[in-house]
Amino acid sequence: MRTALVGAVLLLLGAVAVATGLLPLADVGVLWDRVWPILLFVLAVTVVTELAAEAGVFTALAQQTARWGRGRAWLLWLFVVLVATLSTIFLSLDTTAVLLTPVVIVLARHVGLSPLPFALTTVWLANTASLLLPVSNLTNLLAQHAMGNPSPLEFAALTVVPAAVAIVVPSIAVFLVFRKPLMQRYTPEARDPIEDDVLFWCSAAVVIALLPALLSGLPVWLPASAAAIVLVVLFAVRRPSVLRFGMLPWQLIVLASGLFLFIEALHSIGLATVLATVSGSGESPAALLRLAGTGMLGANVIDNLPAYLALEPVADTPVRLVALLIGVNAGPLITPWASLATLLWHQRLSALDVEISWRRYMLLGLVVAPLTVGLAATAFAFAV
């Protein structure tokens, strides 16, 4: 509810800017044309993943992962790294934070392992693995539009090098920090029965079909909406009690809408001019590193989405936009509010009685975030 309240306040401030003439109504229309497909995609893909989770798709994946681990904690953890990475790349960082977090915690507990390395892996990769594709992060969808709507594969061709670095560096850091518990052994447990075979297999088929559709070049809201409609109809027939308003990410939609309008109002009174001085210009390695660092700082101070929105006008080329994405996607590992995914992740931890010290989290982030952003930005600067 707090998220929705912040969004409502920002919407009100934006409305005041429109009413007083600070933000022209025509600019609001241009903004709406840009953001409604993005918000619709977020809504649709959340419904898909929530219903797939209800059908047991992600739990079955976790249980299969436990068997693949063959009793070795480090091998099980590597599979969690793989699943978290793929989930983030194809289904977005918020999906990983919300749906995969409880799965890996329950998985770790069932086999007698500490959940902390698995939980930290999930939240760090939910952020840092979200560089590769437009669908991986809301900021990427915004950047894709600003780049002139390249295809997902064209977008990935730009981001693949920093994306790889941003996945590997935090993963190595987790292993080094938790190397002792990750060298333990465990005994895999029996697989839980599937409650409804029809729901399970149909939901799995929809998710599998959705992944290539998101890479097809179609506007991503189209296949996501189609998948959501199929699953809603399926659940309405077989398990209607699952369908509830609470599965819709309405708080996130309200917050994102408020941020869009509020930052647009700030740009109308000269925010971009101020930020251009801070973030610099050009595409030299030093300039790209400076922009990525500014994005990382902004994300950890005010959250990654408003940081991206504020800095987008000064990231005036595709190369500079990717540098900005490195900062706002791979950098929000320090403060709890640096990304919505981190806040959602912590809510899931609290619900499952998993304690993690924010002090320790922030201290680790102070080391890993600059290292990840610095290496990813440097690798990108010499790759382009």
Protein backbone atom coordinates (compact mmCIF):
# COMPACT_ATOMS: atom_id res chain seq x y z
CA MET A 1 0.00 0.00 0.00
CA ARG A 2 2.92 2.34 0.70
CA THR A 3 4.10 1.90 -2.90
CA ALA A 4 0.68 2.90 -4.24
CA LEU A 5 0.54 5.88 -1.88
CA VAL A 6 3.87 7.20 -3.16
CA GLY A 7 2.66 6.73 -6.72
CA ALA A 8 -0.60 8.56 -5.99
CA VAL A 9 1.30 11.51 -4.50
CA LEU A 10 3.55 11.67 -7.56
CA LEU A 11 0.51 11.54 -9.85
CA LEU A 12 -1.04 14.41 -7.90
CA LEU A 13 2.14 16.49 -8.20
CA GLY A 14 2.22 15.77 -11.93
CA ALA A 15 -1.41 16.80 -12.24
CA VAL A 16 -0.62 20.08 -10.47
CA ALA A 17 2.20 20.67 -12.97
CA VAL A 18 -0.26 20.14 -15.83
CA ALA A 19 -2.92 22.35 -14.25
CA THR A 20 -0.47 25.20 -13.70
CA GLY A 21 0.95 24.97 -17.21
CA LEU A 22 4.44 23.81 -16.18
CA LEU A 23 3.88 20.56 -18.07
CA PRO A 24 2.05 21.03 -21.40
CA LEU A 25 -0.87 18.68 -21.97
CA ALA A 26 0.57 17.75 -25.38
CA ASP A 27 3.69 16.42 -23.65
CA VAL A 28 1.50 14.25 -21.43
CA GLY A 29 -0.12 12.79 -24.54
CA VAL A 30 3.29 11.94 -26.02
CA LEU A 31 4.32 10.38 -22.70
CA TRP A 32 1.14 8.26 -22.57
CA ASP A 33 1.70 6.96 -26.11
CA ARG A 34 5.15 5.84 -25.00
CA VAL A 35 4.35 4.19 -21.68
CA TRP A 36 0.99 2.42 -22.05
CA PRO A 37 2.50 -0.57 -23.93
CA ILE A 38 5.13 -0.90 -21.21
CA LEU A 39 2.60 -0.81 -18.37
CA LEU A 40 0.37 -3.29 -20.17
CA PHE A 41 3.30 -5.68 -20.59
CA VAL A 42 4.16 -5.44 -16.87
CA LEU A 43 0.53 -6.16 -16.01
CA ALA A 44 0.23 -9.11 -18.40
CA VAL A 45 3.54 -10.82 -17.61
CA THR A 46 2.82 -10.56 -13.88
CA VAL A 47 -0.51 -12.34 -14.37
CA VAL A 48 1.22 -15.05 -16.43
CA THR A 49 3.90 -15.69 -13.84
CA GLU A 50 1.51 -15.57 -10.87
CA LEU A 51 -0.80 -18.14 -12.48
CA ALA A 52 2.09 -20.32 -13.61
CA ALA A 53 3.32 -20.31 -10.01
CA GLU A 54 -0.16 -21.28 -8.78
CA ALA A 55 -0.10 -24.20 -11.21
CA GLY A 56 3.18 -25.40 -9.67
CA VAL A 57 5.46 -24.70 -12.63
CA PHE A 58 8.17 -22.92 -10.64
CA THR A 59 8.00 -25.32 -7.71
CA ALA A 60 8.45 -28.28 -10.04
CA LEU A 61 11.41 -26.51 -11.62
CA ALA A 62 12.99 -26.00 -8.19
CA GLN A 63 12.47 -29.64 -7.23
CA GLN A 64 14.00 -30.80 -10.49
CA THR A 65 16.91 -28.45 -9.82
CA ALA A 66 17.44 -30.11 -6.42
CA ARG A 67 17.76 -33.51 -8.12
CA TRP A 68 20.18 -32.11 -10.69
CA GLY A 69 22.33 -30.86 -7.81
CA ARG A 70 23.18 -34.49 -6.91
CA GLY A 71 23.58 -33.71 -3.24
CA ARG A 72 26.22 -31.01 -3.75
CA ALA A 73 25.27 -27.56 -2.45
CA TRP A 74 27.60 -25.74 -4.85
CA LEU A 75 26.09 -27.50 -7.85
CA LEU A 76 22.56 -26.78 -6.62
CA TRP A 77 23.56 -23.13 -6.19
CA LEU A 78 24.88 -23.01 -9.77
CA PHE A 79 21.52 -24.23 -11.02
CA VAL A 80 19.83 -21.50 -8.94
CA VAL A 81 22.16 -18.98 -10.61
CA LEU A 82 21.07 -20.32 -14.00
CA VAL A 83 17.35 -20.29 -13.17
CA ALA A 84 17.49 -16.81 -11.62
CA THR A 85 19.38 -15.52 -14.66
CA LEU A 86 16.94 -17.01 -17.18
CA SER A 87 13.92 -15.92 -15.14
CA THR A 88 15.21 -12.35 -15.01
CA ILE A 89 16.19 -12.21 -18.67
CA PHE A 90 12.92 -13.58 -20.06
CA LEU A 91 10.33 -12.78 -17.36
CA SER A 92 11.75 -9.61 -15.72
CA LEU A 93 13.53 -8.81 -12.49
CA ASP A 94 10.32 -8.37 -10.47
CA THR A 95 9.19 -11.86 -11.45
CA THR A 96 12.45 -13.30 -10.13
CA ALA A 97 12.21 -11.32 -6.90
CA VAL A 98 8.57 -12.18 -6.23
CA LEU A 99 8.21 -15.76 -7.44
CA LEU A 100 11.66 -17.34 -7.38
CA THR A 101 12.66 -16.08 -3.92
CA PRO A 102 10.18 -18.23 -1.96
CA VAL A 103 10.92 -21.20 -4.21
CA VAL A 104 14.67 -21.16 -3.54
CA ILE A 105 14.18 -20.55 0.18
CA VAL A 106 11.82 -23.50 0.52
CA LEU A 107 14.18 -25.55 -1.64
CA ALA A 108 17.19 -24.75 0.57
CA ARG A 109 15.28 -25.51 3.75
CA HIS A 110 13.94 -28.80 2.40
CA VAL A 111 17.44 -30.08 1.78
CA GLY A 112 18.86 -28.68 5.03
CA LEU A 113 20.94 -25.81 3.62
CA SER A 114 21.18 -22.17 4.69
CA PRO A 115 18.78 -20.09 2.57
CA LEU A 116 20.93 -16.94 2.72
CA PRO A 117 23.30 -17.60 -0.22
CA PHE A 118 20.33 -18.63 -2.38
CA ALA A 119 18.27 -15.61 -1.33
CA LEU A 120 21.11 -13.15 -1.93
CA THR A 121 21.87 -14.75 -5.30
CA THR A 122 18.23 -14.29 -6.29
CA VAL A 123 18.01 -10.59 -5.47
CA TRP A 124 21.40 -9.66 -6.88
CA LEU A 125 20.77 -11.47 -10.15
CA ALA A 126 17.22 -10.12 -10.31
CA ASN A 127 18.90 -6.73 -10.70
CA THR A 128 22.20 -7.41 -12.45
CA ALA A 129 20.94 -10.04 -14.92
CA SER A 130 18.30 -7.62 -16.22
CA LEU A 131 20.52 -5.99 -18.87
CA LEU A 132 20.22 -8.35 -21.83
CA LEU A 133 16.72 -8.01 -23.31
CA PRO A 134 14.09 -5.27 -23.41
CA VAL A 135 11.66 -7.45 -21.41
CA SER A 136 14.17 -8.00 -18.61
CA ASN A 137 13.58 -4.62 -16.99
CA LEU A 138 11.17 -1.73 -17.29
CA THR A 139 14.16 0.58 -17.81
CA ASN A 140 15.19 -1.52 -20.83
CA LEU A 141 11.77 -1.11 -22.43
CA LEU A 142 12.09 2.64 -22.00
CA ALA A 143 15.60 2.58 -23.47
CA GLN A 144 14.46 0.44 -26.39
CA HIS A 145 11.91 3.12 -27.27
CA ALA A 146 14.52 5.86 -26.91
CA MET A 147 16.84 3.91 -29.26
CA GLY A 148 14.19 3.83 -31.98
CA ASN A 149 12.75 0.39 -31.13
CA PRO A 150 15.50 -2.02 -32.22
CA SER A 151 14.50 -5.69 -32.27
CA PRO A 152 15.22 -7.73 -29.11
CA LEU A 153 18.17 -9.38 -30.84
CA GLU A 154 19.59 -6.02 -31.96
CA PHE A 155 19.17 -4.75 -28.41
CA ALA A 156 20.92 -7.85 -27.04
CA ALA A 157 23.80 -7.38 -29.47
CA LEU A 158 24.50 -4.06 -27.75
CA THR A 159 24.11 -5.30 -24.19
CA VAL A 160 25.50 -8.85 -24.27
CA VAL A 161 29.03 -8.01 -23.08
CA PRO A 162 28.08 -5.91 -20.03
CA ALA A 163 25.21 -8.31 -19.32
CA ALA A 164 27.62 -11.24 -19.08
CA VAL A 165 29.94 -9.32 -16.77
CA ALA A 166 27.02 -8.21 -14.60
CA ILE A 167 25.95 -11.83 -14.13
CA VAL A 168 29.39 -13.31 -13.45
CA VAL A 169 30.76 -10.74 -10.99
CA PRO A 170 27.95 -10.88 -8.38
CA SER A 171 27.81 -14.68 -8.70
CA ILE A 172 31.52 -14.96 -7.90
CA ALA A 173 31.02 -12.59 -4.97
CA VAL A 174 28.21 -14.72 -3.51
CA PHE A 175 30.31 -17.87 -3.81
CA LEU A 176 33.30 -16.25 -2.10
CA VAL A 177 31.19 -14.90 0.76
CA PHE A 178 29.27 -18.17 1.31
CA ARG A 179 31.89 -20.68 0.19
CA LYS A 180 31.71 -22.74 3.41
CA PRO A 181 27.94 -23.48 3.37
CA LEU A 182 28.08 -23.96 -0.39
CA MET A 183 30.61 -26.76 -0.03
CA GLN A 184 28.20 -28.87 2.06
CA ARG A 185 26.24 -31.89 0.86
CA TYR A 186 22.49 -32.55 1.07
CA THR A 187 19.97 -35.32 0.44
CA PRO A 188 17.35 -34.61 -2.27
CA GLU A 189 13.75 -35.11 -1.15
CA ALA A 190 10.92 -36.79 -3.02
CA ARG A 191 9.04 -34.69 -5.55
CA ASP A 192 5.68 -33.26 -4.42
CA PRO A 193 2.69 -34.44 -6.47
CA ILE A 194 1.13 -32.08 -9.02
CA GLU A 195 -2.33 -30.97 -7.86
CA ASP A 196 -3.86 -30.45 -11.30
CA ASP A 197 -2.11 -31.99 -14.30
CA VAL A 198 -4.13 -29.98 -16.82
CA LEU A 199 -3.31 -26.66 -15.16
CA PHE A 200 0.33 -27.60 -14.74
CA TRP A 201 1.04 -28.76 -18.27
CA CYS A 202 -1.02 -26.04 -19.96
CA SER A 203 0.63 -23.33 -17.84
CA ALA A 204 4.08 -24.75 -18.58
CA ALA A 205 3.27 -24.82 -22.30
CA VAL A 206 2.12 -21.18 -22.21
CA VAL A 207 5.30 -20.05 -20.45
CA ILE A 208 7.50 -22.02 -22.86
CA ALA A 209 5.64 -20.59 -25.87
CA LEU A 210 5.85 -17.07 -24.47
CA LEU A 211 9.66 -16.99 -24.29
CA PRO A 212 10.38 -17.10 -28.06
CA ALA A 213 7.37 -14.86 -28.70
CA LEU A 214 9.00 -12.15 -26.59
CA LEU A 215 12.04 -12.35 -28.88
CA SER A 216 10.05 -12.39 -32.12
CA GLY A 217 10.10 -8.66 -32.68
CA LEU A 218 6.40 -8.24 -31.94
CA PRO A 219 5.50 -5.53 -29.41
CA VAL A 220 6.04 -7.45 -26.19
CA TRP A 221 2.64 -6.53 -24.76
CA LEU A 222 0.94 -8.57 -27.51
CA PRO A 223 2.25 -12.08 -26.70
CA ALA A 224 2.25 -11.32 -22.96
CA SER A 225 -1.40 -10.23 -23.09
CA ALA A 226 -2.36 -13.27 -25.17
CA ALA A 227 -0.63 -15.59 -22.69
CA ALA A 228 -2.34 -13.88 -19.76
CA ILE A 229 -5.77 -14.22 -21.39
CA VAL A 230 -5.22 -17.93 -22.08
CA LEU A 231 -4.22 -18.64 -18.49
CA VAL A 232 -7.02 -16.52 -17.00
CA VAL A 233 -9.59 -18.44 -19.06
CA LEU A 234 -7.98 -21.75 -18.09
CA PHE A 235 -8.03 -20.91 -14.38
CA ALA A 236 -11.56 -19.51 -14.61
CA VAL A 237 -12.67 -22.98 -15.73
CA ARG A 238 -10.54 -25.17 -13.45
CA ARG A 239 -9.65 -23.09 -10.38
CA PRO A 240 -11.56 -19.77 -10.32
CA SER A 241 -10.77 -19.11 -6.65
CA VAL A 242 -7.19 -18.26 -7.65
CA LEU A 243 -8.28 -15.31 -9.77
CA ARG A 244 -8.22 -12.26 -7.52
CA PHE A 245 -7.47 -8.57 -7.79
CA GLY A 246 -4.42 -8.97 -5.57
CA MET A 247 -2.47 -10.80 -8.27
CA LEU A 248 -2.45 -7.66 -10.40
CA PRO A 249 0.62 -5.45 -9.83
CA TRP A 250 -1.60 -2.41 -9.34
CA GLN A 251 0.70 -0.78 -6.79
CA LEU A 252 3.61 -1.03 -9.22
CA ILE A 253 1.46 0.40 -12.03
CA VAL A 254 0.41 3.36 -9.87
CA LEU A 255 4.01 3.99 -8.78
CA ALA A 256 5.41 3.74 -12.32
CA SER A 257 2.69 6.04 -13.68
CA GLY A 258 3.41 8.60 -10.97
CA LEU A 259 7.16 8.44 -11.62
CA PHE A 260 6.68 8.86 -15.36
CA LEU A 261 4.51 11.95 -14.92
CA PHE A 262 6.55 13.52 -12.11
CA ILE A 263 9.93 13.14 -13.85
CA GLU A 264 8.42 14.50 -17.08
CA ALA A 265 7.29 17.56 -15.11
CA LEU A 266 10.82 18.01 -13.71
CA HIS A 267 12.27 17.80 -17.22
CA SER A 268 9.91 20.56 -18.31
CA ILE A 269 11.57 22.92 -15.79
CA GLY A 270 15.17 22.08 -16.74
CA LEU A 271 16.20 18.90 -14.92
CA ALA A 272 18.08 17.60 -17.97
CA THR A 273 20.32 20.69 -18.05
CA VAL A 274 21.44 20.12 -14.47
CA LEU A 275 22.05 16.40 -14.97
CA ALA A 276 24.01 16.97 -18.18
CA THR A 277 26.64 18.76 -16.11
CA VAL A 278 26.85 15.87 -13.65
CA SER A 279 26.86 12.97 -16.10
CA GLY A 280 29.09 14.48 -18.79
CA SER A 281 28.95 13.70 -22.50
CA GLY A 282 30.64 11.63 -25.19
CA GLU A 283 31.32 7.93 -25.71
CA SER A 284 34.90 7.56 -24.51
CA PRO A 285 35.52 4.84 -21.91
CA ALA A 286 35.82 7.50 -19.20
CA ALA A 287 32.58 9.19 -20.30
CA LEU A 288 30.64 5.91 -20.34
CA LEU A 289 32.03 4.93 -16.94
CA ARG A 290 31.02 8.35 -15.58
CA LEU A 291 27.47 7.99 -16.87
CA ALA A 292 27.15 4.43 -15.53
CA GLY A 293 28.46 5.58 -12.15
CA THR A 294 25.97 8.45 -12.09
CA GLY A 295 23.17 5.99 -12.84
CA MET A 296 24.34 3.67 -10.04
CA LEU A 297 24.47 6.55 -7.56
CA GLY A 298 21.05 7.79 -8.60
CA ALA A 299 19.52 4.32 -8.33
CA ASN A 300 20.77 3.84 -4.79
CA VAL A 301 19.66 7.30 -3.72
CA ILE A 302 16.20 7.54 -5.29
CA ASP A 303 15.47 4.11 -6.92
CA ASN A 304 16.54 2.88 -10.35
CA LEU A 305 13.41 3.80 -12.33
CA PRO A 306 13.34 7.54 -11.49
CA ALA A 307 17.13 7.59 -11.86
CA TYR A 308 16.79 6.24 -15.40
CA LEU A 309 13.95 8.63 -16.25
CA ALA A 310 15.91 11.60 -14.96
CA LEU A 311 19.09 10.72 -16.86
CA GLU A 312 17.60 9.44 -20.13
CA PRO A 313 17.70 12.83 -21.92
CA VAL A 314 21.47 13.12 -21.36
CA ALA A 315 22.02 9.56 -22.62
CA ASP A 316 21.44 10.74 -26.15
CA THR A 317 22.87 7.82 -28.16
CA PRO A 318 22.30 4.04 -28.02
CA VAL A 319 25.80 3.56 -26.59
CA ARG A 320 25.21 6.08 -23.82
CA LEU A 321 21.81 4.58 -23.11
CA VAL A 322 23.42 1.17 -22.53
CA ALA A 323 25.96 2.79 -20.21
CA LEU A 324 23.09 4.32 -18.25
CA LEU A 325 21.34 0.94 -18.11
CA ILE A 326 24.50 -0.63 -16.69
CA GLY A 327 24.35 1.85 -13.82
CA VAL A 328 20.65 1.68 -13.03
CA ASN A 329 20.24 -2.09 -13.62
CA ALA A 330 23.47 -3.57 -12.26
CA GLY A 331 24.09 -0.87 -9.66
CA PRO A 332 21.10 -0.96 -7.27
CA LEU A 333 22.66 -3.43 -4.83
CA ILE A 334 23.41 -1.10 -1.92
CA THR A 335 20.28 0.50 -0.46
CA PRO A 336 17.03 -1.42 0.23
CA TRP A 337 15.02 1.01 -1.92
CA ALA A 338 17.41 1.01 -4.90
CA SER A 339 14.93 -1.08 -6.92
CA LEU A 340 11.37 -2.22 -6.41
CA ALA A 341 12.58 -5.80 -6.93
CA THR A 342 14.73 -5.53 -3.79
CA LEU A 343 11.78 -4.32 -1.70
CA LEU A 344 9.56 -7.10 -3.06
CA TRP A 345 12.33 -9.61 -2.31
CA HIS A 346 12.60 -8.45 1.29
CA GLN A 347 8.83 -8.74 1.75
CA ARG A 348 9.07 -12.37 0.69
CA LEU A 349 11.95 -12.99 3.09
CA SER A 350 9.98 -11.52 5.98
CA ALA A 351 6.94 -13.64 5.13
CA LEU A 352 9.14 -16.77 5.26
CA ASP A 353 10.93 -15.74 8.50
CA VAL A 354 14.32 -15.36 6.85
CA GLU A 355 16.44 -12.74 8.61
CA ILE A 356 19.04 -10.73 6.76
CA SER A 357 20.86 -7.74 8.20
CA TRP A 358 20.40 -4.63 6.08
CA ARG A 359 23.76 -3.46 7.44
CA ARG A 360 25.48 -6.55 6.05
CA TYR A 361 23.50 -6.28 2.82
CA MET A 362 24.59 -2.68 2.31
CA LEU A 363 28.22 -3.34 3.18
CA LEU A 364 28.38 -6.19 0.66
CA GLY A 365 26.66 -3.99 -1.90
CA LEU A 366 29.16 -1.18 -1.36
CA VAL A 367 31.84 -3.57 -2.60
CA VAL A 368 29.96 -5.55 -5.25
CA ALA A 369 27.92 -2.77 -6.92
CA PRO A 370 30.82 -0.46 -7.91
CA LEU A 371 32.90 -3.48 -8.94
CA THR A 372 30.09 -4.87 -11.11
CA VAL A 373 29.19 -1.55 -12.71
CA GLY A 374 32.83 -0.57 -13.22
CA LEU A 375 33.84 -3.84 -14.88
CA ALA A 376 30.63 -4.04 -16.98
CA ALA A 377 30.96 -0.44 -18.17
CA THR A 378 34.65 -0.88 -18.96
CA ALA A 379 34.02 -4.11 -20.87
CA PHE A 380 31.22 -2.41 -22.80
CA ALA A 381 33.34 0.65 -23.61
CA PHE A 382 36.04 -1.48 -25.21
CA ALA A 383 33.52 -3.77 -26.96
CA VAL A 384 31.67 -1.07 -28.91
